[in-house]
Amino acid sequence: MSRTHLGRATALAPSQRLLYRALIDAVIDTGEAPTMETMSQRIGLSTRETSQIAEELVEADWIATDDEGTVTCVYPFSIAPTGINASWDNVERPMMCAVDALGVAPMLDKPVLVRANCQHCNRAITIEVEPERLKKRTPRSTVVIRRWTAGPAAANRCAATRFACSPDHAQQWLREHGGPDDVIQSLEASFIEGRAVFGSAYRHGSSAHLNG
């Protein structure tokens, strides 16, 4: 299995891609954690087979589950609120992190509005994202605080990869809370990264990564 330098598998097998797409569809449709029984009916496999494929997706870092096997995220979507939301077509869902949020428009091939708050001062942030570009951001000085720790994203990176309303506030947050793997990243670089990770994930079950 080929992986990026952070640990995510770069491509899915056909059965894995089938379940990943079904999980994405379920989270978009309901916003709730889909059960393996429901997913098995969607993809036409037994619950045991579906659960095995889900374990493979966890190992490949395309989804995450809790100790009971309940799905907690299907990247880029979170089941629980995170403080970062993406909306499109009268649907709004929580995102796992800032980079994931910027990857939704390329993934779904439609315009998306991202809403969040500055990690340091709680100022409201909105970003209009189109499949191929960032259209507008408020405030214009918005940046991303990016954590580059390898391993499962939900455990090691997502909670610390957030928006800040300005480089100054990002730097203040880093001084107070940052670690050796935390950096300030422009929205442009973060969008390119999000597009590389998720742009082909839904359609083709493939993912790339900067410096990967």
Protein backbone atom coordinates (compact mmCIF):
# COMPACT_ATOMS: atom_id res chain seq x y z
CA MET A 1 0.00 0.00 0.00
CA SER A 2 1.52 3.29 -1.12
CA ARG A 3 1.27 6.10 1.42
CA THR A 4 1.97 9.79 1.70
CA HIS A 5 4.67 10.91 4.10
CA LEU A 6 1.95 11.63 6.69
CA GLY A 7 0.62 8.08 6.45
CA ARG A 8 -2.56 8.20 4.35
CA ALA A 9 -2.89 5.59 1.63
CA THR A 10 -2.71 7.18 -1.81
CA ALA A 11 -5.19 4.86 -3.53
CA LEU A 12 -8.08 2.60 -2.63
CA ALA A 13 -8.92 -0.86 -3.91
CA PRO A 14 -12.29 -1.14 -5.71
CA SER A 15 -14.13 -2.52 -2.66
CA GLN A 16 -12.62 0.17 -0.43
CA ARG A 17 -13.57 2.90 -2.90
CA LEU A 18 -17.13 1.54 -3.05
CA LEU A 19 -17.55 1.75 0.72
CA TYR A 20 -15.80 5.12 1.01
CA ARG A 21 -18.16 6.64 -1.56
CA ALA A 22 -21.16 5.12 0.21
CA LEU A 23 -19.97 6.51 3.54
CA ILE A 24 -19.50 9.98 2.05
CA ASP A 25 -23.00 9.83 0.56
CA ALA A 26 -24.47 8.73 3.90
CA VAL A 27 -22.77 11.51 5.87
CA ILE A 28 -23.89 14.12 3.32
CA ASP A 29 -27.44 12.75 3.35
CA THR A 30 -27.92 12.46 7.12
CA GLY A 31 -24.97 14.02 8.97
CA GLU A 32 -25.00 10.98 11.26
CA ALA A 33 -22.66 8.05 11.82
CA PRO A 34 -23.64 5.34 9.33
CA THR A 35 -23.84 1.79 10.65
CA MET A 36 -22.13 -1.13 8.96
CA GLU A 37 -25.52 -2.80 8.59
CA THR A 38 -26.82 0.17 6.60
CA MET A 39 -23.63 0.37 4.56
CA SER A 40 -23.72 -3.34 3.76
CA GLN A 41 -27.19 -2.89 2.29
CA ARG A 42 -26.01 0.10 0.24
CA ILE A 43 -23.03 -1.67 -1.30
CA GLY A 44 -24.46 -5.20 -1.51
CA LEU A 45 -22.00 -6.99 0.76
CA SER A 46 -22.46 -8.78 4.06
CA THR A 47 -22.09 -6.85 7.29
CA ARG A 48 -18.96 -8.85 8.08
CA GLU A 49 -17.39 -8.02 4.72
CA THR A 50 -18.37 -4.37 5.06
CA SER A 51 -16.87 -4.17 8.56
CA GLN A 52 -13.63 -5.69 7.29
CA ILE A 53 -13.40 -3.12 4.50
CA ALA A 54 -14.13 -0.37 7.04
CA GLU A 55 -11.19 -1.60 9.12
CA GLU A 56 -9.03 -1.35 6.01
CA LEU A 57 -10.20 2.24 5.46
CA VAL A 58 -9.28 3.08 9.06
CA GLU A 59 -5.83 1.57 8.59
CA ALA A 60 -5.46 3.56 5.36
CA ASP A 61 -6.55 6.76 7.22
CA TRP A 62 -9.54 7.49 5.00
CA ILE A 63 -12.04 7.12 7.87
CA ALA A 64 -11.84 6.92 11.67
CA THR A 65 -13.86 4.94 14.21
CA ASP A 66 -14.15 4.86 17.99
CA ASP A 67 -13.45 1.90 20.28
CA GLU A 68 -16.90 0.46 19.53
CA GLY A 69 -16.34 0.64 15.79
CA THR A 70 -18.71 3.57 15.26
CA VAL A 71 -17.66 5.85 12.42
CA THR A 72 -16.49 9.22 13.78
CA CYS A 73 -15.30 10.75 10.52
CA VAL A 74 -15.13 10.12 6.81
CA TYR A 75 -12.45 12.55 5.71
CA PRO A 76 -13.01 15.40 5.10
CA PHE A 77 -16.31 15.19 7.04
CA SER A 78 -16.69 14.89 10.80
CA ILE A 79 -19.74 13.43 12.51
CA ALA A 80 -19.37 15.64 15.60
CA PRO A 81 -19.15 19.45 15.59
CA THR A 82 -15.61 20.79 15.17
CA GLY A 83 -16.08 24.54 14.84
CA ILE A 84 -15.37 24.40 11.10
CA ASN A 85 -18.36 23.96 8.77
CA ALA A 86 -18.78 23.71 5.02
CA SER A 87 -22.10 24.38 3.28
CA TRP A 88 -23.40 23.84 -0.24
CA ASP A 89 -26.83 23.18 -1.82
CA ASN A 90 -28.60 23.86 1.52
CA VAL A 91 -26.44 21.23 3.23
CA GLU A 92 -24.01 22.06 6.05
CA ARG A 93 -21.59 19.60 7.60
CA PRO A 94 -18.71 19.83 10.11
CA MET A 95 -15.21 19.45 8.74
CA MET A 96 -12.28 17.63 10.32
CA CYS A 97 -9.83 20.53 9.89
CA ALA A 98 -9.08 23.70 7.94
CA VAL A 99 -7.30 21.93 5.07
CA ASP A 100 -10.09 19.36 4.79
CA ALA A 101 -12.66 22.16 4.60
CA LEU A 102 -10.84 23.75 1.67
CA GLY A 103 -10.82 20.39 -0.13
CA VAL A 104 -14.60 19.93 -0.19
CA ALA A 105 -15.28 22.11 -3.24
CA PRO A 106 -12.78 20.19 -5.42
CA MET A 107 -14.10 16.91 -4.02
CA LEU A 108 -17.76 17.64 -4.75
CA ASP A 109 -17.00 19.78 -7.84
CA LYS A 110 -19.24 22.60 -6.64
CA PRO A 111 -18.91 25.92 -4.78
CA VAL A 112 -18.68 25.64 -1.01
CA LEU A 113 -18.86 28.20 1.80
CA VAL A 114 -16.52 27.52 4.73
CA ARG A 115 -17.30 29.07 8.12
CA ALA A 116 -15.02 29.04 11.16
CA ASN A 117 -13.59 31.26 13.87
CA CYS A 118 -10.08 32.46 14.54
CA GLN A 119 -8.30 30.00 16.77
CA HIS A 120 -6.84 32.88 18.80
CA CYS A 121 -9.53 35.61 19.07
CA ASN A 122 -12.70 33.81 17.89
CA ARG A 123 -13.32 36.32 15.07
CA ALA A 124 -15.72 34.99 12.44
CA ILE A 125 -14.06 33.73 9.25
CA THR A 126 -15.82 32.95 5.96
CA ILE A 127 -14.20 31.56 2.83
CA GLU A 128 -15.91 31.06 -0.52
CA VAL A 129 -14.26 28.15 -2.31
CA GLU A 130 -14.80 27.04 -5.90
CA PRO A 131 -13.55 23.72 -7.29
CA GLU A 132 -10.48 25.33 -8.87
CA ARG A 133 -9.85 28.41 -6.74
CA LEU A 134 -10.41 30.44 -3.63
CA LYS A 135 -13.03 33.03 -4.57
CA LYS A 136 -13.22 35.24 -1.46
CA ARG A 137 -12.15 35.24 2.16
CA THR A 138 -13.16 37.44 5.10
CA PRO A 139 -10.99 38.71 6.63
CA ARG A 140 -8.52 38.87 3.77
CA SER A 141 -5.64 38.20 6.18
CA THR A 142 -6.91 34.70 7.08
CA VAL A 143 -4.28 31.95 7.29
CA VAL A 144 -4.12 28.32 8.42
CA ILE A 145 -2.32 26.97 11.46
CA ARG A 146 -1.08 23.63 10.08
CA ARG A 147 0.15 20.63 12.06
CA TRP A 148 2.43 18.23 10.16
CA THR A 149 2.57 15.30 12.58
CA ALA A 150 2.55 11.90 10.83
CA GLY A 151 0.04 9.18 11.69
CA PRO A 152 -3.77 9.09 11.81
CA ALA A 153 -5.05 12.57 11.03
CA ALA A 154 -7.95 12.48 13.49
CA ALA A 155 -5.61 11.68 16.37
CA ASN A 156 -2.51 13.64 15.38
CA ARG A 157 -3.36 16.66 13.19
CA CYS A 158 -6.99 17.64 12.80
CA ALA A 159 -7.66 19.36 16.13
CA ALA A 160 -4.63 21.64 15.65
CA THR A 161 -5.10 22.43 11.95
CA ARG A 162 -7.33 25.48 12.22
CA PHE A 163 -7.93 28.94 10.80
CA ALA A 164 -6.57 32.19 12.22
CA CYS A 165 -7.79 35.62 11.18
CA SER A 166 -4.26 36.94 10.60
CA PRO A 167 -0.61 35.83 10.64
CA ASP A 168 -0.15 37.78 13.88
CA HIS A 169 -2.91 35.87 15.64
CA ALA A 170 -1.63 32.60 14.24
CA GLN A 171 1.80 33.40 15.61
CA GLN A 172 0.34 34.27 19.01
CA TRP A 173 -1.51 30.95 19.09
CA LEU A 174 1.69 29.12 18.16
CA ARG A 175 3.61 30.82 20.93
CA GLU A 176 1.00 29.78 23.49
CA HIS A 177 -0.03 26.35 22.22
CA GLY A 178 2.13 25.31 19.27
CA GLY A 179 4.52 22.40 18.97
CA PRO A 180 7.47 21.52 16.76
CA ASP A 181 5.24 20.31 13.91
CA ASP A 182 3.05 23.44 13.78
CA VAL A 183 3.48 26.10 11.08
CA ILE A 184 1.58 29.01 9.56
CA GLN A 185 0.36 28.24 6.05
CA SER A 186 -1.31 30.52 3.51
CA LEU A 187 -4.87 29.86 2.37
CA GLU A 188 -3.56 29.38 -1.16
CA ALA A 189 -1.12 26.65 -0.12
CA SER A 190 -3.79 25.06 2.08
CA PHE A 191 -6.29 25.02 -0.80
CA ILE A 192 -3.74 23.40 -3.11
CA GLU A 193 -3.11 20.79 -0.43
CA GLY A 194 -6.81 20.17 0.19
CA ARG A 195 -7.46 19.83 -3.54
CA ALA A 196 -4.57 17.36 -3.89
CA VAL A 197 -5.82 15.24 -1.01
CA PHE A 198 -9.54 15.22 -1.81
CA GLY A 199 -9.99 16.33 -5.42
CA SER A 200 -10.01 12.76 -6.75
CA ALA A 201 -10.93 10.97 -3.52
CA TYR A 202 -14.68 10.66 -4.09
CA ARG A 203 -14.61 10.07 -7.83
CA HIS A 204 -11.55 7.83 -8.14
CA GLY A 205 -10.51 6.76 -4.65
CA SER A 206 -7.11 8.39 -5.01
CA SER A 207 -5.28 10.99 -2.98
CA ALA A 208 -2.07 12.96 -3.30
CA HIS A 209 -0.22 15.15 -0.86
CA LEU A 210 2.25 17.99 -1.05
CA ASN A 211 5.77 16.74 -0.40
CA GLY A 212 4.17 13.31 -0.22
